[in-house]
Amino acid sequence: MELLSNSLTDQAPIAEKFAFAVIDPDNHVALSSNINPHLAWKGEPAGTRSFAVVCHDPDVPSVGDDVNQEDREVPADLPRVNFYHWTLFDIPADQSELMEGSHCQGITPRGKNGPSAPQGLRHGLNDYTSWFAGDEDMEGSYFGYDGPCPPWNDSIVHRYVFTVYALDVSTLPVKDDFSGAAIVAAMEGHVLAKASITVSYTLNPRLAD
């Protein structure tokens, strides 16, 4: 199975228009276009009944004490955890492409609605839901795609892994928990094949240069 994209190049930086934020020399970061990238796939195995797409960042600091703090960087040796940026599932077996901008075109304060997605698909909550908890301007349920926004003072460049899964069920058995971790867990035992594209992104000017 192979994952293709007109928007992404494997092992290369992701373009700013697909990110949640960009570097701003005056305020560290500014909001970006936040457009979902194009994805297409082929070579799925016999018996595929649906597809799911997941984007996650495996490089998020496990402790937030140093995150976005002046005069310091998040240490490179700090343990890292997953941050889910997109889960889209119940994609029909006869569909093999998601167009650029088809599921996100800009930032929606307090998050996009869900879990219903265009064309009868379903999408899960991304981890901006927990990131913005307690923020009176941004707090909400963030369904669907929201792009990269790593800490502007992180000492490592973050990776973003886009993965398509071929599944042996037409509808993923997701109940009340629509978090990225829960959706990935729901796929266990149903994955026939998968393929990924990994890109990178940083908001640290030192690393961007």
N, C-alpha and C. Protein backbone atom coordinates (compact mmCIF):
# COMPACT_ATOMS: atom_id res chain seq x y z
N MET A 1 0.86 -1.20 0.00
CA MET A 1 0.00 0.00 0.00
C MET A 1 0.89 1.24 0.00
N GLU A 2 0.46 2.29 -0.70
CA GLU A 2 1.27 3.49 -0.85
C GLU A 2 0.43 4.74 -0.60
N LEU A 3 1.00 5.69 0.14
CA LEU A 3 0.35 6.97 0.37
C LEU A 3 1.07 8.04 -0.44
N LEU A 4 0.30 8.83 -1.19
CA LEU A 4 0.84 9.85 -2.08
C LEU A 4 0.26 11.21 -1.69
N SER A 5 0.93 12.28 -2.12
CA SER A 5 0.41 13.61 -1.81
C SER A 5 0.97 14.64 -2.77
N ASN A 6 0.10 15.53 -3.24
CA ASN A 6 0.53 16.70 -4.00
C ASN A 6 0.96 17.83 -3.08
N SER A 7 0.67 17.69 -1.77
CA SER A 7 0.94 18.74 -0.79
C SER A 7 2.17 18.48 0.05
N LEU A 8 2.51 17.21 0.25
CA LEU A 8 3.55 16.80 1.18
C LEU A 8 4.64 16.02 0.46
N THR A 9 5.88 16.21 0.91
CA THR A 9 7.01 15.42 0.43
C THR A 9 7.60 14.67 1.61
N ASP A 10 7.68 13.37 1.50
CA ASP A 10 8.18 12.56 2.60
C ASP A 10 9.58 13.00 3.02
N GLN A 11 9.80 13.10 4.34
CA GLN A 11 11.08 13.47 4.94
C GLN A 11 11.51 14.90 4.61
N ALA A 12 10.55 15.77 4.33
CA ALA A 12 10.82 17.18 4.04
C ALA A 12 9.92 18.05 4.92
N PRO A 13 10.24 19.34 5.07
CA PRO A 13 9.37 20.22 5.85
C PRO A 13 7.99 20.37 5.21
N ILE A 14 6.98 20.53 6.04
CA ILE A 14 5.63 20.79 5.57
C ILE A 14 5.50 22.29 5.29
N ALA A 15 4.76 22.65 4.27
CA ALA A 15 4.57 24.06 3.92
C ALA A 15 3.76 24.78 5.00
N GLU A 16 4.03 26.06 5.18
CA GLU A 16 3.38 26.85 6.22
C GLU A 16 1.87 26.89 6.09
N LYS A 17 1.36 26.81 4.87
CA LYS A 17 -0.10 26.94 4.71
C LYS A 17 -0.85 25.76 5.32
N PHE A 18 -0.16 24.65 5.58
CA PHE A 18 -0.80 23.50 6.19
C PHE A 18 -0.65 23.51 7.71
N ALA A 19 0.00 24.54 8.26
CA ALA A 19 0.26 24.63 9.69
C ALA A 19 -0.78 25.49 10.39
N PHE A 20 -0.86 25.32 11.70
CA PHE A 20 -1.74 26.12 12.54
C PHE A 20 -1.11 27.47 12.83
N ALA A 21 0.23 27.52 12.87
CA ALA A 21 0.93 28.76 13.20
C ALA A 21 2.22 28.86 12.41
N VAL A 22 2.70 30.09 12.25
CA VAL A 22 3.96 30.37 11.57
C VAL A 22 4.81 31.26 12.49
N ILE A 23 6.10 31.35 12.19
CA ILE A 23 7.00 32.19 12.97
C ILE A 23 6.66 33.66 12.76
N ASP A 24 6.60 34.40 13.86
CA ASP A 24 6.40 35.84 13.82
C ASP A 24 7.53 36.49 14.60
N PRO A 25 8.33 37.34 13.99
CA PRO A 25 9.50 37.90 14.67
C PRO A 25 9.15 38.78 15.86
N ASP A 26 7.96 39.30 15.92
CA ASP A 26 7.57 40.20 17.02
C ASP A 26 6.86 39.48 18.16
N ASN A 27 6.06 38.47 17.82
CA ASN A 27 5.24 37.79 18.83
C ASN A 27 5.51 36.29 18.91
N HIS A 28 6.63 35.85 18.38
CA HIS A 28 7.03 34.44 18.33
C HIS A 28 6.24 33.67 17.26
N VAL A 29 4.89 33.71 17.35
CA VAL A 29 4.08 32.99 16.37
C VAL A 29 2.89 33.83 15.95
N ALA A 30 2.36 33.50 14.77
CA ALA A 30 1.11 34.07 14.27
C ALA A 30 0.30 32.94 13.67
N LEU A 31 -1.00 33.10 13.63
CA LEU A 31 -1.86 32.05 13.07
C LEU A 31 -1.62 31.92 11.56
N SER A 32 -1.78 30.70 11.06
CA SER A 32 -1.52 30.41 9.65
C SER A 32 -2.81 30.02 8.93
N SER A 33 -2.67 29.53 7.70
CA SER A 33 -3.83 29.20 6.86
C SER A 33 -4.55 27.94 7.32
N ASN A 34 -3.79 27.00 7.90
CA ASN A 34 -4.40 25.80 8.51
C ASN A 34 -5.26 25.01 7.53
N ILE A 35 -4.69 24.70 6.38
CA ILE A 35 -5.40 23.95 5.33
C ILE A 35 -4.99 22.48 5.41
N ASN A 36 -5.95 21.58 5.31
CA ASN A 36 -5.56 20.17 5.29
C ASN A 36 -4.90 19.82 3.96
N PRO A 37 -3.85 18.99 3.97
CA PRO A 37 -3.14 18.65 2.74
C PRO A 37 -3.88 17.62 1.89
N HIS A 38 -3.49 17.55 0.63
CA HIS A 38 -3.97 16.51 -0.27
C HIS A 38 -3.33 15.18 0.10
N LEU A 39 -4.14 14.12 0.09
CA LEU A 39 -3.65 12.76 0.30
C LEU A 39 -4.35 11.83 -0.69
N ALA A 40 -3.60 10.86 -1.20
CA ALA A 40 -4.17 9.83 -2.08
C ALA A 40 -3.45 8.52 -1.79
N TRP A 41 -4.14 7.42 -2.03
CA TRP A 41 -3.54 6.13 -1.70
C TRP A 41 -3.93 5.08 -2.74
N LYS A 42 -3.11 4.04 -2.80
CA LYS A 42 -3.36 2.96 -3.74
C LYS A 42 -2.72 1.68 -3.21
N GLY A 43 -3.12 0.55 -3.81
CA GLY A 43 -2.53 -0.73 -3.45
C GLY A 43 -3.11 -1.34 -2.19
N GLU A 44 -4.34 -0.98 -1.84
CA GLU A 44 -4.95 -1.56 -0.65
C GLU A 44 -5.24 -3.04 -0.87
N PRO A 45 -5.19 -3.85 0.17
CA PRO A 45 -5.39 -5.30 0.01
C PRO A 45 -6.84 -5.68 -0.20
N ALA A 46 -7.04 -6.88 -0.72
CA ALA A 46 -8.39 -7.43 -0.84
C ALA A 46 -9.02 -7.52 0.54
N GLY A 47 -10.31 -7.26 0.60
CA GLY A 47 -11.01 -7.30 1.87
C GLY A 47 -11.11 -5.96 2.57
N THR A 48 -10.53 -4.92 1.97
CA THR A 48 -10.63 -3.58 2.55
C THR A 48 -12.07 -3.08 2.47
N ARG A 49 -12.61 -2.67 3.60
CA ARG A 49 -13.99 -2.19 3.64
C ARG A 49 -14.10 -0.70 3.96
N SER A 50 -13.02 -0.12 4.47
CA SER A 50 -12.99 1.32 4.70
C SER A 50 -11.54 1.74 4.94
N PHE A 51 -11.34 3.07 4.98
CA PHE A 51 -10.02 3.62 5.28
C PHE A 51 -10.14 4.61 6.44
N ALA A 52 -9.04 4.81 7.10
CA ALA A 52 -8.92 5.86 8.12
C ALA A 52 -7.62 6.61 7.89
N VAL A 53 -7.63 7.90 8.19
CA VAL A 53 -6.44 8.73 8.08
C VAL A 53 -6.14 9.33 9.45
N VAL A 54 -4.87 9.25 9.84
CA VAL A 54 -4.43 9.79 11.12
C VAL A 54 -3.18 10.63 10.88
N CYS A 55 -3.13 11.80 11.51
CA CYS A 55 -1.90 12.60 11.55
C CYS A 55 -1.54 12.82 13.01
N HIS A 56 -0.32 12.45 13.38
CA HIS A 56 0.11 12.69 14.75
C HIS A 56 1.55 13.19 14.79
N ASP A 57 1.84 13.91 15.84
CA ASP A 57 3.18 14.42 16.14
C ASP A 57 3.71 13.60 17.32
N PRO A 58 4.77 12.80 17.13
CA PRO A 58 5.30 11.98 18.23
C PRO A 58 6.31 12.71 19.09
N ASP A 59 6.51 14.00 18.86
CA ASP A 59 7.61 14.74 19.49
C ASP A 59 7.16 15.81 20.47
N VAL A 60 5.95 15.72 20.98
CA VAL A 60 5.43 16.74 21.89
C VAL A 60 6.02 16.54 23.29
N PRO A 61 6.49 17.63 23.94
CA PRO A 61 7.06 17.50 25.28
C PRO A 61 6.09 16.84 26.26
N SER A 62 6.60 15.89 27.03
CA SER A 62 5.77 15.20 28.00
C SER A 62 5.49 16.06 29.23
N VAL A 63 6.32 17.08 29.45
CA VAL A 63 6.16 18.02 30.56
C VAL A 63 6.18 19.43 29.97
N GLY A 64 5.22 20.26 30.38
CA GLY A 64 5.08 21.57 29.76
C GLY A 64 5.75 22.72 30.47
N ASP A 65 6.58 22.44 31.47
CA ASP A 65 7.14 23.51 32.29
C ASP A 65 7.94 24.53 31.47
N ASP A 66 8.66 24.07 30.46
CA ASP A 66 9.51 24.97 29.68
C ASP A 66 8.88 25.43 28.37
N VAL A 67 7.68 24.94 28.08
CA VAL A 67 7.06 25.21 26.78
C VAL A 67 6.72 26.69 26.64
N ASN A 68 7.20 27.27 25.53
CA ASN A 68 6.90 28.67 25.18
C ASN A 68 7.26 29.65 26.29
N GLN A 69 8.40 29.39 26.94
CA GLN A 69 8.91 30.27 27.98
C GLN A 69 10.12 31.04 27.45
N GLU A 70 10.20 32.30 27.79
CA GLU A 70 11.31 33.14 27.34
C GLU A 70 12.64 32.67 27.94
N ASP A 71 13.71 32.92 27.19
CA ASP A 71 15.08 32.72 27.68
C ASP A 71 15.42 31.27 28.01
N ARG A 72 14.72 30.33 27.41
CA ARG A 72 15.06 28.92 27.59
C ARG A 72 14.49 28.13 26.42
N GLU A 73 14.98 26.91 26.26
CA GLU A 73 14.43 25.99 25.27
C GLU A 73 13.97 24.71 25.96
N VAL A 74 13.00 24.04 25.35
CA VAL A 74 12.59 22.73 25.82
C VAL A 74 13.74 21.76 25.54
N PRO A 75 14.26 21.05 26.55
CA PRO A 75 15.42 20.19 26.35
C PRO A 75 15.16 19.08 25.33
N ALA A 76 16.16 18.79 24.53
CA ALA A 76 16.03 17.76 23.50
C ALA A 76 15.84 16.38 24.11
N ASP A 77 16.39 16.16 25.31
CA ASP A 77 16.31 14.83 25.91
C ASP A 77 15.06 14.61 26.75
N LEU A 78 14.15 15.59 26.76
CA LEU A 78 12.89 15.41 27.49
C LEU A 78 12.06 14.32 26.81
N PRO A 79 11.49 13.38 27.56
CA PRO A 79 10.62 12.36 26.94
C PRO A 79 9.47 13.01 26.15
N ARG A 80 9.12 12.39 25.06
CA ARG A 80 8.11 12.94 24.15
C ARG A 80 6.88 12.05 24.09
N VAL A 81 5.73 12.63 23.75
CA VAL A 81 4.46 11.91 23.66
C VAL A 81 3.76 12.27 22.36
N ASN A 82 2.72 11.52 22.04
CA ASN A 82 1.94 11.75 20.82
C ASN A 82 0.95 12.90 21.01
N PHE A 83 0.78 13.66 19.93
CA PHE A 83 -0.25 14.70 19.84
C PHE A 83 -0.97 14.47 18.52
N TYR A 84 -2.28 14.22 18.59
CA TYR A 84 -3.06 13.90 17.39
C TYR A 84 -3.61 15.17 16.76
N HIS A 85 -3.29 15.37 15.48
CA HIS A 85 -3.74 16.53 14.73
C HIS A 85 -4.94 16.24 13.84
N TRP A 86 -5.19 14.96 13.55
CA TRP A 86 -6.29 14.64 12.62
C TRP A 86 -6.60 13.16 12.70
N THR A 87 -7.87 12.84 12.84
CA THR A 87 -8.34 11.48 12.65
C THR A 87 -9.61 11.57 11.81
N LEU A 88 -9.61 10.88 10.70
CA LEU A 88 -10.75 10.85 9.79
C LEU A 88 -11.00 9.40 9.44
N PHE A 89 -12.23 8.93 9.62
CA PHE A 89 -12.49 7.49 9.44
C PHE A 89 -13.86 7.26 8.83
N ASP A 90 -14.17 5.98 8.61
CA ASP A 90 -15.36 5.57 7.83
C ASP A 90 -15.29 6.10 6.40
N ILE A 91 -14.07 6.20 5.86
CA ILE A 91 -13.87 6.57 4.46
C ILE A 91 -14.20 5.34 3.60
N PRO A 92 -15.14 5.44 2.66
CA PRO A 92 -15.56 4.25 1.91
C PRO A 92 -14.42 3.58 1.15
N ALA A 93 -14.57 2.29 0.95
CA ALA A 93 -13.51 1.51 0.30
C ALA A 93 -13.28 1.92 -1.14
N ASP A 94 -14.25 2.59 -1.77
CA ASP A 94 -14.06 3.01 -3.16
C ASP A 94 -13.50 4.44 -3.26
N GLN A 95 -13.18 5.06 -2.13
CA GLN A 95 -12.57 6.39 -2.13
C GLN A 95 -11.07 6.25 -1.93
N SER A 96 -10.29 7.01 -2.68
CA SER A 96 -8.84 6.88 -2.60
C SER A 96 -8.13 8.23 -2.57
N GLU A 97 -8.86 9.30 -2.21
CA GLU A 97 -8.24 10.62 -2.25
C GLU A 97 -8.99 11.59 -1.35
N LEU A 98 -8.22 12.49 -0.73
CA LEU A 98 -8.76 13.62 0.01
C LEU A 98 -8.14 14.87 -0.58
N MET A 99 -8.96 15.79 -1.04
CA MET A 99 -8.44 16.96 -1.71
C MET A 99 -7.91 17.99 -0.70
N GLU A 100 -6.93 18.76 -1.13
CA GLU A 100 -6.39 19.83 -0.31
C GLU A 100 -7.50 20.83 0.04
N GLY A 101 -7.63 21.14 1.31
CA GLY A 101 -8.64 22.08 1.76
C GLY A 101 -10.04 21.54 1.87
N SER A 102 -10.22 20.24 1.64
CA SER A 102 -11.57 19.67 1.65
C SER A 102 -12.14 19.51 3.05
N HIS A 103 -11.29 19.49 4.07
CA HIS A 103 -11.75 19.28 5.44
C HIS A 103 -11.33 20.39 6.39
N CYS A 104 -10.53 21.32 5.94
CA CYS A 104 -10.16 22.44 6.79
C CYS A 104 -9.58 23.56 5.95
N GLN A 105 -10.12 24.76 6.13
CA GLN A 105 -9.61 25.96 5.47
C GLN A 105 -9.62 27.10 6.46
N GLY A 106 -8.65 27.11 7.34
CA GLY A 106 -8.56 28.16 8.34
C GLY A 106 -8.77 27.64 9.74
N ILE A 107 -8.54 28.53 10.70
CA ILE A 107 -8.67 28.18 12.12
C ILE A 107 -10.06 28.57 12.61
N THR A 108 -10.70 27.63 13.29
CA THR A 108 -12.01 27.88 13.89
C THR A 108 -11.84 27.97 15.39
N PRO A 109 -11.88 29.19 15.97
CA PRO A 109 -11.78 29.30 17.42
C PRO A 109 -12.85 28.44 18.10
N ARG A 110 -12.45 27.72 19.12
CA ARG A 110 -13.28 26.78 19.86
C ARG A 110 -13.56 25.50 19.10
N GLY A 111 -12.99 25.36 17.90
CA GLY A 111 -13.00 24.09 17.20
C GLY A 111 -14.16 23.89 16.25
N LYS A 112 -13.90 23.02 15.27
CA LYS A 112 -14.94 22.64 14.31
C LYS A 112 -15.87 21.61 14.94
N ASN A 113 -17.08 21.53 14.42
CA ASN A 113 -18.06 20.59 14.94
C ASN A 113 -17.73 19.16 14.51
N GLY A 114 -18.29 18.21 15.18
CA GLY A 114 -18.09 16.82 14.85
C GLY A 114 -19.00 15.94 15.71
N PRO A 115 -18.93 14.64 15.51
CA PRO A 115 -17.97 13.91 14.67
C PRO A 115 -18.35 13.79 13.19
N SER A 116 -19.51 14.28 12.80
CA SER A 116 -19.89 14.20 11.39
C SER A 116 -18.95 15.05 10.54
N ALA A 117 -18.52 14.48 9.43
CA ALA A 117 -17.62 15.15 8.51
C ALA A 117 -18.25 15.17 7.13
N PRO A 118 -17.74 15.99 6.19
CA PRO A 118 -18.31 16.03 4.85
C PRO A 118 -18.36 14.66 4.18
N GLN A 119 -19.36 14.47 3.33
CA GLN A 119 -19.54 13.27 2.52
C GLN A 119 -19.81 12.02 3.36
N GLY A 120 -20.41 12.21 4.54
CA GLY A 120 -20.80 11.08 5.35
C GLY A 120 -19.68 10.42 6.13
N LEU A 121 -18.50 11.05 6.16
CA LEU A 121 -17.38 10.50 6.92
C LEU A 121 -17.51 10.94 8.38
N ARG A 122 -16.62 10.41 9.21
CA ARG A 122 -16.56 10.86 10.60
C ARG A 122 -15.13 11.27 10.94
N HIS A 123 -15.01 12.30 11.76
CA HIS A 123 -13.69 12.65 12.24
C HIS A 123 -13.71 12.76 13.76
N GLY A 124 -12.52 12.55 14.34
CA GLY A 124 -12.39 12.56 15.78
C GLY A 124 -11.88 13.90 16.29
N LEU A 125 -11.75 13.98 17.61
CA LEU A 125 -11.18 15.15 18.25
C LEU A 125 -9.67 15.16 18.09
N ASN A 126 -9.12 16.31 17.81
CA ASN A 126 -7.66 16.41 17.85
C ASN A 126 -7.25 16.95 19.22
N ASP A 127 -5.95 16.95 19.49
CA ASP A 127 -5.47 17.26 20.83
C ASP A 127 -5.39 18.75 21.15
N TYR A 128 -5.79 19.61 20.21
CA TYR A 128 -5.98 21.01 20.58
C TYR A 128 -7.13 21.13 21.58
N THR A 129 -7.99 20.14 21.63
CA THR A 129 -9.09 20.13 22.60
C THR A 129 -8.54 20.23 24.02
N SER A 130 -7.53 19.43 24.33
CA SER A 130 -6.93 19.49 25.67
C SER A 130 -5.94 20.64 25.79
N TRP A 131 -5.25 20.98 24.69
CA TRP A 131 -4.25 22.05 24.73
C TRP A 131 -4.90 23.39 25.10
N PHE A 132 -6.09 23.66 24.56
CA PHE A 132 -6.74 24.95 24.80
C PHE A 132 -7.71 24.92 25.98
N ALA A 133 -7.79 23.81 26.69
CA ALA A 133 -8.67 23.74 27.86
C ALA A 133 -8.28 24.82 28.87
N GLY A 134 -9.25 25.61 29.28
CA GLY A 134 -8.99 26.69 30.22
C GLY A 134 -8.70 28.02 29.58
N ASP A 135 -8.54 28.04 28.25
CA ASP A 135 -8.31 29.29 27.52
C ASP A 135 -9.68 29.86 27.13
N GLU A 136 -10.02 31.00 27.69
CA GLU A 136 -11.38 31.52 27.51
C GLU A 136 -11.68 31.92 26.07
N ASP A 137 -10.65 32.16 25.26
CA ASP A 137 -10.87 32.54 23.87
C ASP A 137 -10.89 31.35 22.92
N MET A 138 -10.21 30.26 23.30
CA MET A 138 -10.02 29.15 22.36
C MET A 138 -10.57 27.82 22.85
N GLU A 139 -10.97 27.71 24.09
CA GLU A 139 -11.42 26.44 24.63
C GLU A 139 -12.61 25.89 23.86
N GLY A 140 -12.58 24.58 23.58
CA GLY A 140 -13.70 23.95 22.88
C GLY A 140 -13.34 22.56 22.43
N SER A 141 -14.20 21.98 21.62
CA SER A 141 -14.00 20.63 21.07
C SER A 141 -13.49 20.77 19.64
N TYR A 142 -12.26 20.37 19.43
CA TYR A 142 -11.61 20.53 18.13
C TYR A 142 -11.69 19.24 17.34
N PHE A 143 -12.70 19.13 16.49
CA PHE A 143 -12.83 17.97 15.60
C PHE A 143 -12.08 18.24 14.29
N GLY A 144 -11.64 17.17 13.65
CA GLY A 144 -11.05 17.28 12.33
C GLY A 144 -9.60 17.73 12.36
N TYR A 145 -9.18 18.32 11.25
CA TYR A 145 -7.77 18.70 11.06
C TYR A 145 -7.46 20.07 11.65
N ASP A 146 -6.37 20.13 12.41
CA ASP A 146 -5.71 21.38 12.77
C ASP A 146 -4.22 21.10 12.72
N GLY A 147 -3.48 21.93 11.99
CA GLY A 147 -2.12 21.63 11.63
C GLY A 147 -1.07 21.89 12.70
N PRO A 148 0.20 21.79 12.33
CA PRO A 148 1.32 21.89 13.27
C PRO A 148 1.41 23.24 13.98
N CYS A 149 1.75 23.16 15.27
CA CYS A 149 2.05 24.34 16.07
C CYS A 149 2.96 23.91 17.23
N PRO A 150 4.17 23.47 16.92
CA PRO A 150 5.07 23.02 17.99
C PRO A 150 5.51 24.20 18.86
N PRO A 151 5.99 23.95 20.07
CA PRO A 151 6.47 25.05 20.91
C PRO A 151 7.52 25.87 20.19
N TRP A 152 7.42 27.19 20.30
CA TRP A 152 8.35 28.05 19.56
C TRP A 152 9.75 28.03 20.17
N ASN A 153 9.89 27.42 21.33
CA ASN A 153 11.22 27.33 21.94
C ASN A 153 11.69 25.89 22.08
N ASP A 154 11.13 24.98 21.29
CA ASP A 154 11.57 23.58 21.37
C ASP A 154 12.93 23.43 20.70
N SER A 155 13.77 22.61 21.28
CA SER A 155 15.13 22.44 20.76
C SER A 155 15.21 21.37 19.68
N ILE A 156 14.08 20.72 19.37
CA ILE A 156 14.07 19.75 18.28
C ILE A 156 13.00 20.12 17.25
N VAL A 157 13.24 19.71 16.02
CA VAL A 157 12.24 19.84 14.96
C VAL A 157 11.23 18.72 15.12
N HIS A 158 9.96 19.05 15.05
CA HIS A 158 8.92 18.03 15.22
C HIS A 158 8.61 17.31 13.92
N ARG A 159 8.23 16.03 14.07
CA ARG A 159 7.80 15.23 12.94
C ARG A 159 6.27 15.12 12.95
N TYR A 160 5.71 15.06 11.75
CA TYR A 160 4.26 14.91 11.59
C TYR A 160 4.02 13.73 10.65
N VAL A 161 3.40 12.68 11.19
CA VAL A 161 3.24 11.43 10.47
C VAL A 161 1.79 11.31 10.00
N PHE A 162 1.61 11.36 8.68
CA PHE A 162 0.29 11.14 8.07
C PHE A 162 0.21 9.69 7.65
N THR A 163 -0.79 8.97 8.16
CA THR A 163 -0.92 7.54 7.89
C THR A 163 -2.32 7.23 7.40
N VAL A 164 -2.41 6.42 6.35
CA VAL A 164 -3.69 5.89 5.91
C VAL A 164 -3.73 4.41 6.28
N TYR A 165 -4.86 3.99 6.81
CA TYR A 165 -5.07 2.60 7.22
C TYR A 165 -6.16 1.98 6.37
N ALA A 166 -5.92 0.78 5.86
CA ALA A 166 -6.96 -0.02 5.22
C ALA A 166 -7.55 -0.94 6.29
N LEU A 167 -8.87 -0.87 6.46
CA LEU A 167 -9.53 -1.58 7.55
C LEU A 167 -10.49 -2.65 7.03
N ASP A 168 -10.73 -3.65 7.87
CA ASP A 168 -11.63 -4.74 7.47
C ASP A 168 -13.06 -4.52 7.93
N VAL A 169 -13.39 -3.29 8.38
CA VAL A 169 -14.75 -2.93 8.79
C VAL A 169 -15.17 -1.69 8.03
N SER A 170 -16.45 -1.58 7.74
CA SER A 170 -16.94 -0.42 7.01
C SER A 170 -17.17 0.77 7.94
N THR A 171 -17.45 0.50 9.21
CA THR A 171 -17.66 1.53 10.22
C THR A 171 -16.81 1.20 11.43
N LEU A 172 -15.97 2.13 11.83
CA LEU A 172 -15.10 1.88 12.96
C LEU A 172 -15.91 1.91 14.26
N PRO A 173 -15.70 0.93 15.14
CA PRO A 173 -16.50 0.86 16.38
C PRO A 173 -16.05 1.87 17.42
N VAL A 174 -16.37 3.14 17.17
CA VAL A 174 -16.06 4.23 18.10
C VAL A 174 -17.35 4.64 18.79
N LYS A 175 -17.32 4.72 20.10
CA LYS A 175 -18.53 5.06 20.85
C LYS A 175 -18.50 6.51 21.32
N ASP A 176 -18.23 6.72 22.59
CA ASP A 176 -18.31 8.07 23.14
C ASP A 176 -16.98 8.81 23.14
N ASP A 177 -15.88 8.09 23.09
CA ASP A 177 -14.55 8.71 23.17
C ASP A 177 -14.02 8.90 21.75
N PHE A 178 -13.98 10.16 21.29
CA PHE A 178 -13.52 10.46 19.93
C PHE A 178 -12.11 11.04 19.92
N SER A 179 -11.36 10.82 21.00
CA SER A 179 -9.97 11.28 21.03
C SER A 179 -9.13 10.49 20.03
N GLY A 180 -8.02 11.09 19.61
CA GLY A 180 -7.15 10.40 18.67
C GLY A 180 -6.67 9.07 19.19
N ALA A 181 -6.28 9.03 20.46
CA ALA A 181 -5.79 7.79 21.05
C ALA A 181 -6.87 6.71 21.05
N ALA A 182 -8.12 7.10 21.32
CA ALA A 182 -9.21 6.13 21.34
C ALA A 182 -9.51 5.59 19.94
N ILE A 183 -9.41 6.44 18.94
CA ILE A 183 -9.68 6.00 17.58
C ILE A 183 -8.58 5.05 17.10
N VAL A 184 -7.34 5.37 17.42
CA VAL A 184 -6.25 4.46 17.07
C VAL A 184 -6.44 3.11 17.78
N ALA A 185 -6.86 3.15 19.03
CA ALA A 185 -7.10 1.91 19.76
C ALA A 185 -8.25 1.11 19.14
N ALA A 186 -9.28 1.81 18.64
CA ALA A 186 -10.42 1.13 18.03
C ALA A 186 -10.04 0.40 16.75
N MET A 187 -8.96 0.84 16.10
CA MET A 187 -8.52 0.20 14.87
C MET A 187 -7.75 -1.10 15.11
N GLU A 188 -7.33 -1.34 16.35
CA GLU A 188 -6.55 -2.54 16.65
C GLU A 188 -7.33 -3.79 16.27
N GLY A 189 -6.69 -4.67 15.55
CA GLY A 189 -7.33 -5.90 15.10
C GLY A 189 -8.09 -5.76 13.80
N HIS A 190 -8.16 -4.54 13.26
CA HIS A 190 -8.90 -4.30 12.01
C HIS A 190 -8.03 -3.79 10.87
N VAL A 191 -6.74 -3.59 11.12
CA VAL A 191 -5.85 -3.00 10.12
C VAL A 191 -5.30 -4.08 9.19
N LEU A 192 -5.61 -3.94 7.89
CA LEU A 192 -5.10 -4.86 6.88
C LEU A 192 -3.78 -4.38 6.30
N ALA A 193 -3.61 -3.06 6.22
CA ALA A 193 -2.38 -2.48 5.68
C ALA A 193 -2.37 -1.00 6.05
N LYS A 194 -1.18 -0.39 5.97
CA LYS A 194 -1.08 1.04 6.23
C LYS A 194 0.12 1.60 5.47
N ALA A 195 0.11 2.91 5.28
CA ALA A 195 1.22 3.60 4.61
C ALA A 195 1.30 5.01 5.16
N SER A 196 2.51 5.56 5.21
CA SER A 196 2.72 6.85 5.86
C SER A 196 3.59 7.78 5.03
N ILE A 197 3.41 9.06 5.29
CA ILE A 197 4.32 10.14 4.86
C ILE A 197 4.69 10.92 6.11
N THR A 198 5.98 11.14 6.33
CA THR A 198 6.44 11.89 7.49
C THR A 198 7.07 13.20 7.04
N VAL A 199 6.59 14.30 7.61
CA VAL A 199 7.12 15.63 7.30
C VAL A 199 7.58 16.27 8.60
N SER A 200 8.17 17.46 8.51
CA SER A 200 8.72 18.11 9.70
C SER A 200 8.30 19.57 9.74
N TYR A 201 8.42 20.16 10.97
CA TYR A 201 8.05 21.57 11.13
C TYR A 201 8.63 22.09 12.43
N THR A 202 9.01 23.36 12.43
CA THR A 202 9.49 24.02 13.63
C THR A 202 9.04 25.47 13.64
N LEU A 203 8.83 26.01 14.83
CA LEU A 203 8.56 27.43 15.03
C LEU A 203 9.72 28.11 15.77
N ASN A 204 10.80 27.36 15.94
CA ASN A 204 11.99 27.90 16.58
C ASN A 204 12.86 28.55 15.52
N PRO A 205 13.03 29.86 15.52
CA PRO A 205 13.81 30.52 14.46
C PRO A 205 15.23 29.98 14.35
N ARG A 206 15.83 29.57 15.45
CA ARG A 206 17.18 29.03 15.41
C ARG A 206 17.25 27.78 14.54
N LEU A 207 16.22 26.92 14.67
CA LEU A 207 16.19 25.68 13.89
C LEU A 207 15.71 25.92 12.47
N ALA A 208 14.81 26.87 12.30
CA ALA A 208 14.29 27.17 10.96
C ALA A 208 15.40 27.72 10.07
N ASP A 209 16.32 28.46 10.65
CA ASP A 209 17.43 29.03 9.88
C ASP A 209 18.44 27.97 9.50
